Amino acid sequence: MADLTRLQQILGIRFKEPALLEQALIHSSYTHENPAAASTNNERMEFLGDAILGAVIAERLYHLIPGAAEGEMSKLRAALVSRNSLSQIAKRIGLDQYLYLGKGEEASGGRSKPSNLASVLEAVIAAIFLDSGWDAASDFVLRLFDTELKEAIDRGVETDYKSRLQNLILSRQPDVPVYRIIEASGPAHNRSFTAEVIVSDAILGRGSGKSKKTAESEAARSALEKLA
């Protein structure tokens, strides 16, 4: 079996029981072909890791977007923990290079299959939990998903607030909301924008953010609160 010292460095986790990490990397095809070398695979860990991942992401979304409805948070979580998202993250940190695969699975491109990559990431999350507890697993997930969380929240909230405002306005009158950036400040690497949303020449809301889209979203949220 492989030396997993380098992988532990990549993960930022030093395992008390490295055998747990090793098990998380074993695909069922490997155990079928090598029963003497590996008596178990990562399928049970995958099940546990999926539950841990979902709970960590749900808790983070709950605190990051306190005004979001259940349906909105569910959509964001589903996008974050989708097979495509997990497989991309797994490949980004090199888990594909550490998978134990049977010869047939290896020959069929198993090291690049999104299902295998997503599964091994979930299994690794479970291994961290079993080895070091909830806090370590949660910290690992949040560190790993930091960029994806920010992008998903910006994208989801922007679409939701602006579309909700437009639907509300159109249910009352034919004019649609118009957004304009009224202020941009700060250095190029850390800009801050302020936007207004206008309907029929009336300013309904104002908001700020690190991007123009986020500022517009915050303006739409302000308008929704005012109209409510």
C-alpha atoms as a PDB file:
ATOM      1  CA  MET A   1       0.000   0.000   0.000  1.00  0.00           C
ATOM      2  CA  ALA A   2       1.122   3.576  -0.674  1.00  0.00           C
ATOM      3  CA  ASP A   3       2.902   5.957   1.682  1.00  0.00           C
ATOM      4  CA  LEU A   4       0.232   8.548   2.516  1.00  0.00           C
ATOM      5  CA  THR A   5       2.499  11.096   4.198  1.00  0.00           C
ATOM      6  CA  ARG A   6       2.312  13.486   1.250  1.00  0.00           C
ATOM      7  CA  LEU A   7      -1.469  13.199   1.023  1.00  0.00           C
ATOM      8  CA  GLN A   8      -1.814  14.066   4.714  1.00  0.00           C
ATOM      9  CA  GLN A   9       0.258  17.187   4.050  1.00  0.00           C
ATOM     10  CA  ILE A  10      -2.017  18.136   1.160  1.00  0.00           C
ATOM     11  CA  LEU A  11      -5.118  17.598   3.294  1.00  0.00           C
ATOM     12  CA  GLY A  12      -3.621  19.509   6.203  1.00  0.00           C
ATOM     13  CA  ILE A  13      -4.536  16.615   8.512  1.00  0.00           C
ATOM     14  CA  ARG A  14      -2.154  14.379  10.448  1.00  0.00           C
ATOM     15  CA  PHE A  15      -3.989  11.124  11.091  1.00  0.00           C
ATOM     16  CA  LYS A  16      -3.642   9.347  14.396  1.00  0.00           C
ATOM     17  CA  GLU A  17      -4.793   6.228  12.555  1.00  0.00           C
ATOM     18  CA  PRO A  18      -3.510   6.406   8.949  1.00  0.00           C
ATOM     19  CA  ALA A  19      -5.353   3.147   8.226  1.00  0.00           C
ATOM     20  CA  LEU A  20      -8.599   5.149   8.206  1.00  0.00           C
ATOM     21  CA  LEU A  21      -7.300   7.372   5.414  1.00  0.00           C
ATOM     22  CA  GLU A  22      -6.087   4.337   3.529  1.00  0.00           C
ATOM     23  CA  GLN A  23      -9.492   2.687   3.749  1.00  0.00           C
ATOM     24  CA  ALA A  24     -11.132   5.863   2.427  1.00  0.00           C
ATOM     25  CA  LEU A  25      -9.090   5.498  -0.767  1.00  0.00           C
ATOM     26  CA  ILE A  26     -10.021   1.874  -1.521  1.00  0.00           C
ATOM     27  CA  HIS A  27     -12.561   1.403  -4.311  1.00  0.00           C
ATOM     28  CA  SER A  28     -14.712  -1.715  -4.246  1.00  0.00           C
ATOM     29  CA  SER A  29     -13.064  -2.972  -7.445  1.00  0.00           C
ATOM     30  CA  TYR A  30      -9.739  -3.178  -5.618  1.00  0.00           C
ATOM     31  CA  THR A  31     -11.090  -5.330  -2.804  1.00  0.00           C
ATOM     32  CA  HIS A  32     -12.728  -7.658  -5.323  1.00  0.00           C
ATOM     33  CA  GLU A  33      -9.407  -8.241  -7.069  1.00  0.00           C
ATOM     34  CA  ASN A  34      -7.192  -8.080  -3.969  1.00  0.00           C
ATOM     35  CA  PRO A  35      -9.141  -9.597  -1.058  1.00  0.00           C
ATOM     36  CA  ALA A  36      -5.957 -10.522   0.804  1.00  0.00           C
ATOM     37  CA  ALA A  37      -4.551  -6.978   0.634  1.00  0.00           C
ATOM     38  CA  ALA A  38      -7.778  -5.130   1.458  1.00  0.00           C
ATOM     39  CA  SER A  39     -10.688  -6.716   3.271  1.00  0.00           C
ATOM     40  CA  THR A  40     -12.930  -3.653   3.057  1.00  0.00           C
ATOM     41  CA  ASN A  41     -13.561  -0.629   0.814  1.00  0.00           C
ATOM     42  CA  ASN A  42     -14.689   2.976   1.216  1.00  0.00           C
ATOM     43  CA  GLU A  43     -18.426   2.529   0.590  1.00  0.00           C
ATOM     44  CA  ARG A  44     -19.484   2.743   4.258  1.00  0.00           C
ATOM     45  CA  MET A  45     -17.250   5.774   4.733  1.00  0.00           C
ATOM     46  CA  GLU A  46     -18.783   7.369   1.651  1.00  0.00           C
ATOM     47  CA  PHE A  47     -22.222   7.057   3.275  1.00  0.00           C
ATOM     48  CA  LEU A  48     -21.014   8.691   6.494  1.00  0.00           C
ATOM     49  CA  GLY A  49     -19.032  11.399   4.705  1.00  0.00           C
ATOM     50  CA  ASP A  50     -22.032  12.364   2.596  1.00  0.00           C
ATOM     51  CA  ALA A  51     -24.078  13.002   5.753  1.00  0.00           C
ATOM     52  CA  ILE A  52     -21.279  14.981   7.421  1.00  0.00           C
ATOM     53  CA  LEU A  53     -20.686  17.093   4.322  1.00  0.00           C
ATOM     54  CA  GLY A  54     -24.367  17.911   3.946  1.00  0.00           C
ATOM     55  CA  ALA A  55     -24.671  18.928   7.596  1.00  0.00           C
ATOM     56  CA  VAL A  56     -21.571  21.147   7.549  1.00  0.00           C
ATOM     57  CA  ILE A  57     -22.639  22.932   4.366  1.00  0.00           C
ATOM     58  CA  ALA A  58     -26.202  23.350   5.635  1.00  0.00           C
ATOM     59  CA  GLU A  59     -25.021  24.906   8.885  1.00  0.00           C
ATOM     60  CA  ARG A  60     -22.689  27.271   7.016  1.00  0.00           C
ATOM     61  CA  LEU A  61     -25.432  28.413   4.647  1.00  0.00           C
ATOM     62  CA  TYR A  62     -27.802  28.925   7.576  1.00  0.00           C
ATOM     63  CA  HIS A  63     -25.418  31.399   9.178  1.00  0.00           C
ATOM     64  CA  LEU A  64     -24.124  33.066   6.006  1.00  0.00           C
ATOM     65  CA  ILE A  65     -27.504  33.945   4.513  1.00  0.00           C
ATOM     66  CA  PRO A  66     -29.901  34.442   7.453  1.00  0.00           C
ATOM     67  CA  GLY A  67     -32.663  35.842   5.258  1.00  0.00           C
ATOM     68  CA  ALA A  68     -32.747  32.883   2.864  1.00  0.00           C
ATOM     69  CA  ALA A  69     -35.754  30.605   2.622  1.00  0.00           C
ATOM     70  CA  GLU A  70     -35.472  26.835   3.034  1.00  0.00           C
ATOM     71  CA  GLY A  71     -35.876  26.233  -0.691  1.00  0.00           C
ATOM     72  CA  GLU A  72     -33.104  28.666  -1.561  1.00  0.00           C
ATOM     73  CA  MET A  73     -30.681  27.060   0.886  1.00  0.00           C
ATOM     74  CA  SER A  74     -31.594  23.599  -0.372  1.00  0.00           C
ATOM     75  CA  LYS A  75     -30.758  24.586  -3.945  1.00  0.00           C
ATOM     76  CA  LEU A  76     -27.421  26.069  -2.921  1.00  0.00           C
ATOM     77  CA  ARG A  77     -26.497  23.011  -0.867  1.00  0.00           C
ATOM     78  CA  ALA A  78     -27.470  20.676  -3.704  1.00  0.00           C
ATOM     79  CA  ALA A  79     -25.202  22.584  -6.098  1.00  0.00           C
ATOM     80  CA  LEU A  80     -22.299  22.543  -3.655  1.00  0.00           C
ATOM     81  CA  VAL A  81     -22.453  18.814  -2.891  1.00  0.00           C
ATOM     82  CA  SER A  82     -23.302  17.677  -6.418  1.00  0.00           C
ATOM     83  CA  ARG A  83     -21.231  14.922  -7.957  1.00  0.00           C
ATOM     84  CA  ASN A  84     -19.708  17.354 -10.420  1.00  0.00           C
ATOM     85  CA  SER A  85     -18.670  19.788  -7.690  1.00  0.00           C
ATOM     86  CA  LEU A  86     -17.199  17.076  -5.464  1.00  0.00           C
ATOM     87  CA  SER A  87     -15.299  15.426  -8.300  1.00  0.00           C
ATOM     88  CA  GLN A  88     -13.698  18.725  -9.301  1.00  0.00           C
ATOM     89  CA  ILE A  89     -12.568  19.397  -5.744  1.00  0.00           C
ATOM     90  CA  ALA A  90     -11.273  15.842  -5.346  1.00  0.00           C
ATOM     91  CA  LYS A  91      -9.204  16.180  -8.499  1.00  0.00           C
ATOM     92  CA  ARG A  92      -7.985  19.625  -7.447  1.00  0.00           C
ATOM     93  CA  ILE A  93      -6.382  18.193  -4.326  1.00  0.00           C
ATOM     94  CA  GLY A  94      -5.068  15.148  -6.150  1.00  0.00           C
ATOM     95  CA  LEU A  95      -7.204  12.385  -4.662  1.00  0.00           C
ATOM     96  CA  ASP A  96      -7.405  10.750  -8.087  1.00  0.00           C
ATOM     97  CA  GLN A  97      -3.701   9.890  -7.789  1.00  0.00           C
ATOM     98  CA  TYR A  98      -4.223   8.011  -4.527  1.00  0.00           C
ATOM     99  CA  LEU A  99      -7.224   5.866  -5.400  1.00  0.00           C
ATOM    100  CA  TYR A 100      -6.812   2.102  -5.074  1.00  0.00           C
ATOM    101  CA  LEU A 101      -8.564   0.655  -8.129  1.00  0.00           C
ATOM    102  CA  GLY A 102      -8.919  -2.793  -9.593  1.00  0.00           C
ATOM    103  CA  LYS A 103      -7.240  -3.392 -12.938  1.00  0.00           C
ATOM    104  CA  GLY A 104     -10.527  -3.387 -14.816  1.00  0.00           C
ATOM    105  CA  GLU A 105     -11.681  -0.135 -13.244  1.00  0.00           C
ATOM    106  CA  GLU A 106      -8.292   1.428 -13.874  1.00  0.00           C
ATOM    107  CA  ALA A 107      -8.384   0.389 -17.537  1.00  0.00           C
ATOM    108  CA  SER A 108     -11.865   1.870 -17.997  1.00  0.00           C
ATOM    109  CA  GLY A 109     -10.734   5.299 -16.817  1.00  0.00           C
ATOM    110  CA  GLY A 110     -11.908   4.885 -13.247  1.00  0.00           C
ATOM    111  CA  ARG A 111      -9.394   7.399 -11.943  1.00  0.00           C
ATOM    112  CA  SER A 112     -11.251  10.151 -13.821  1.00  0.00           C
ATOM    113  CA  LYS A 113     -14.842   9.065 -13.238  1.00  0.00           C
ATOM    114  CA  PRO A 114     -16.825  11.758 -11.366  1.00  0.00           C
ATOM    115  CA  SER A 115     -18.622   9.089  -9.313  1.00  0.00           C
ATOM    116  CA  ASN A 116     -15.343   7.616  -8.038  1.00  0.00           C
ATOM    117  CA  LEU A 117     -13.864  11.039  -7.295  1.00  0.00           C
ATOM    118  CA  ALA A 118     -16.948  12.283  -5.458  1.00  0.00           C
ATOM    119  CA  SER A 119     -17.096   9.075  -3.441  1.00  0.00           C
ATOM    120  CA  VAL A 120     -13.465   9.184  -2.373  1.00  0.00           C
ATOM    121  CA  LEU A 121     -13.795  12.791  -1.202  1.00  0.00           C
ATOM    122  CA  GLU A 122     -16.822  11.908   0.919  1.00  0.00           C
ATOM    123  CA  ALA A 123     -14.941   8.919   2.314  1.00  0.00           C
ATOM    124  CA  VAL A 124     -11.947  11.079   3.227  1.00  0.00           C
ATOM    125  CA  ILE A 125     -14.253  13.468   5.090  1.00  0.00           C
ATOM    126  CA  ALA A 126     -15.593  10.484   7.052  1.00  0.00           C
ATOM    127  CA  ALA A 127     -12.064   9.278   7.767  1.00  0.00           C
ATOM    128  CA  ILE A 128     -11.153  12.659   9.233  1.00  0.00           C
ATOM    129  CA  PHE A 129     -14.291  12.599  11.373  1.00  0.00           C
ATOM    130  CA  LEU A 130     -13.593   9.082  12.647  1.00  0.00           C
ATOM    131  CA  ASP A 131      -9.972   9.925  13.364  1.00  0.00           C
ATOM    132  CA  SER A 132     -10.240  13.433  14.831  1.00  0.00           C
ATOM    133  CA  GLY A 133     -13.902  14.260  15.434  1.00  0.00           C
ATOM    134  CA  TRP A 134     -16.533  16.704  14.201  1.00  0.00           C
ATOM    135  CA  ASP A 135     -14.545  19.937  14.521  1.00  0.00           C
ATOM    136  CA  ALA A 136     -11.661  18.634  12.421  1.00  0.00           C
ATOM    137  CA  ALA A 137     -14.007  17.318   9.730  1.00  0.00           C
ATOM    138  CA  SER A 138     -16.016  20.548   9.707  1.00  0.00           C
ATOM    139  CA  ASP A 139     -12.905  22.723   9.475  1.00  0.00           C
ATOM    140  CA  PHE A 140     -11.613  20.585   6.609  1.00  0.00           C
ATOM    141  CA  VAL A 141     -14.881  20.869   4.662  1.00  0.00           C
ATOM    142  CA  LEU A 142     -15.127  24.631   5.130  1.00  0.00           C
ATOM    143  CA  ARG A 143     -11.496  25.126   4.124  1.00  0.00           C
ATOM    144  CA  LEU A 144     -11.939  22.931   1.079  1.00  0.00           C
ATOM    145  CA  PHE A 145     -15.222  24.536  -0.012  1.00  0.00           C
ATOM    146  CA  ASP A 146     -14.367  28.140   0.836  1.00  0.00           C
ATOM    147  CA  THR A 147     -14.274  29.422  -2.756  1.00  0.00           C
ATOM    148  CA  GLU A 148     -17.234  27.318  -3.872  1.00  0.00           C
ATOM    149  CA  LEU A 149     -19.316  28.531  -0.930  1.00  0.00           C
ATOM    150  CA  LYS A 150     -18.659  32.183  -1.699  1.00  0.00           C
ATOM    151  CA  GLU A 151     -19.392  31.744  -5.406  1.00  0.00           C
ATOM    152  CA  ALA A 152     -22.549  29.710  -4.838  1.00  0.00           C
ATOM    153  CA  ILE A 153     -23.919  32.157  -2.296  1.00  0.00           C
ATOM    154  CA  ASP A 154     -23.209  35.166  -4.514  1.00  0.00           C
ATOM    155  CA  ARG A 155     -24.686  33.467  -7.558  1.00  0.00           C
ATOM    156  CA  GLY A 156     -27.722  32.025  -5.796  1.00  0.00           C
ATOM    157  CA  VAL A 157     -28.639  35.035  -3.711  1.00  0.00           C
ATOM    158  CA  GLU A 158     -28.146  37.462  -6.579  1.00  0.00           C
ATOM    159  CA  THR A 159     -30.463  35.483  -8.806  1.00  0.00           C
ATOM    160  CA  ASP A 160     -33.039  34.995  -6.070  1.00  0.00           C
ATOM    161  CA  TYR A 161     -33.384  38.527  -4.708  1.00  0.00           C
ATOM    162  CA  LYS A 162     -33.355  40.199  -8.111  1.00  0.00           C
ATOM    163  CA  SER A 163     -35.796  37.759  -9.665  1.00  0.00           C
ATOM    164  CA  ARG A 164     -38.102  37.959  -6.651  1.00  0.00           C
ATOM    165  CA  LEU A 165     -38.122  41.735  -6.835  1.00  0.00           C
ATOM    166  CA  GLN A 166     -38.801  41.732 -10.569  1.00  0.00           C
ATOM    167  CA  ASN A 167     -41.678  39.279 -10.189  1.00  0.00           C
ATOM    168  CA  LEU A 168     -43.175  41.366  -7.398  1.00  0.00           C
ATOM    169  CA  ILE A 169     -42.910  44.620  -9.378  1.00  0.00           C
ATOM    170  CA  LEU A 170     -44.366  43.074 -12.535  1.00  0.00           C
ATOM    171  CA  SER A 171     -47.325  41.765 -10.542  1.00  0.00           C
ATOM    172  CA  ARG A 172     -48.174  45.395  -9.692  1.00  0.00           C
ATOM    173  CA  GLN A 173     -47.078  47.417 -12.729  1.00  0.00           C
ATOM    174  CA  PRO A 174     -45.422  47.001 -16.152  1.00  0.00           C
ATOM    175  CA  ASP A 175     -42.116  48.689 -15.289  1.00  0.00           C
ATOM    176  CA  VAL A 176     -39.098  46.521 -14.466  1.00  0.00           C
ATOM    177  CA  PRO A 177     -36.411  47.339 -11.864  1.00  0.00           C
ATOM    178  CA  VAL A 178     -33.347  49.184 -13.158  1.00  0.00           C
ATOM    179  CA  TYR A 179     -30.012  48.972 -11.337  1.00  0.00           C
ATOM    180  CA  ARG A 180     -27.234  51.535 -11.313  1.00  0.00           C
ATOM    181  CA  ILE A 181     -23.879  51.667  -9.559  1.00  0.00           C
ATOM    182  CA  ILE A 182     -23.644  54.964  -7.697  1.00  0.00           C
ATOM    183  CA  GLU A 183     -20.305  54.491  -5.970  1.00  0.00           C
ATOM    184  CA  ALA A 184     -17.096  52.463  -6.295  1.00  0.00           C
ATOM    185  CA  SER A 185     -14.349  52.769  -3.692  1.00  0.00           C
ATOM    186  CA  GLY A 186     -11.206  51.060  -2.437  1.00  0.00           C
ATOM    187  CA  PRO A 187      -8.076  49.768  -4.189  1.00  0.00           C
ATOM    188  CA  ALA A 188      -8.342  47.609  -7.305  1.00  0.00           C
ATOM    189  CA  HIS A 189      -7.794  44.363  -5.388  1.00  0.00           C
ATOM    190  CA  ASN A 190     -10.424  45.175  -2.766  1.00  0.00           C
ATOM    191  CA  ARG A 191     -13.158  47.252  -4.397  1.00  0.00           C
ATOM    192  CA  SER A 192     -16.507  48.013  -2.810  1.00  0.00           C
ATOM    193  CA  PHE A 193     -19.583  48.976  -4.816  1.00  0.00           C
ATOM    194  CA  THR A 194     -22.893  50.624  -3.933  1.00  0.00           C
ATOM    195  CA  ALA A 195     -25.956  50.148  -6.119  1.00  0.00           C
ATOM    196  CA  GLU A 196     -29.481  51.517  -6.269  1.00  0.00           C
ATOM    197  CA  VAL A 197     -32.555  49.866  -7.702  1.00  0.00           C
ATOM    198  CA  ILE A 198     -35.059  52.179  -9.377  1.00  0.00           C
ATOM    199  CA  VAL A 199     -38.621  51.624 -10.540  1.00  0.00           C
ATOM    200  CA  SER A 200     -40.595  54.387 -12.274  1.00  0.00           C
ATOM    201  CA  ASP A 201     -37.968  56.965 -11.284  1.00  0.00           C
ATOM    202  CA  ALA A 202     -38.295  56.028  -7.596  1.00  0.00           C
ATOM    203  CA  ILE A 203     -35.346  54.606  -5.640  1.00  0.00           C
ATOM    204  CA  LEU A 204     -36.632  51.492  -3.924  1.00  0.00           C
ATOM    205  CA  GLY A 205     -33.437  50.166  -2.373  1.00  0.00           C
ATOM    206  CA  ARG A 206     -29.708  50.565  -1.962  1.00  0.00           C
ATOM    207  CA  GLY A 207     -27.004  48.004  -1.219  1.00  0.00           C
ATOM    208  CA  SER A 208     -23.251  47.480  -1.117  1.00  0.00           C
ATOM    209  CA  GLY A 209     -20.902  44.588  -1.863  1.00  0.00           C
ATOM    210  CA  LYS A 210     -17.502  43.475  -3.101  1.00  0.00           C
ATOM    211  CA  SER A 211     -18.828  43.106  -6.647  1.00  0.00           C
ATOM    212  CA  LYS A 212     -21.359  44.992  -8.745  1.00  0.00           C
ATOM    213  CA  LYS A 213     -23.635  41.948  -8.809  1.00  0.00           C
ATOM    214  CA  THR A 214     -23.561  41.575  -5.037  1.00  0.00           C
ATOM    215  CA  ALA A 215     -24.298  45.293  -4.591  1.00  0.00           C
ATOM    216  CA  GLU A 216     -27.276  44.989  -6.933  1.00  0.00           C
ATOM    217  CA  SER A 217     -28.473  41.911  -5.045  1.00  0.00           C
ATOM    218  CA  GLU A 218     -28.289  43.790  -1.760  1.00  0.00           C
ATOM    219  CA  ALA A 219     -30.211  46.692  -3.303  1.00  0.00           C
ATOM    220  CA  ALA A 220     -32.906  44.247  -4.435  1.00  0.00           C
ATOM    221  CA  ARG A 221     -33.057  42.746  -0.938  1.00  0.00           C
ATOM    222  CA  SER A 222     -33.428  46.228   0.553  1.00  0.00           C
ATOM    223  CA  ALA A 223     -36.273  46.970  -1.853  1.00  0.00           C
ATOM    224  CA  LEU A 224     -38.029  43.691  -0.999  1.00  0.00           C
ATOM    225  CA  GLU A 225     -37.840  44.488   2.711  1.00  0.00           C
ATOM    226  CA  LYS A 226     -39.275  47.954   2.087  1.00  0.00           C
ATOM    227  CA  LEU A 227     -42.107  46.665  -0.083  1.00  0.00           C
ATOM    228  CA  ALA A 228     -42.918  43.921   2.431  1.00  0.00           C
END
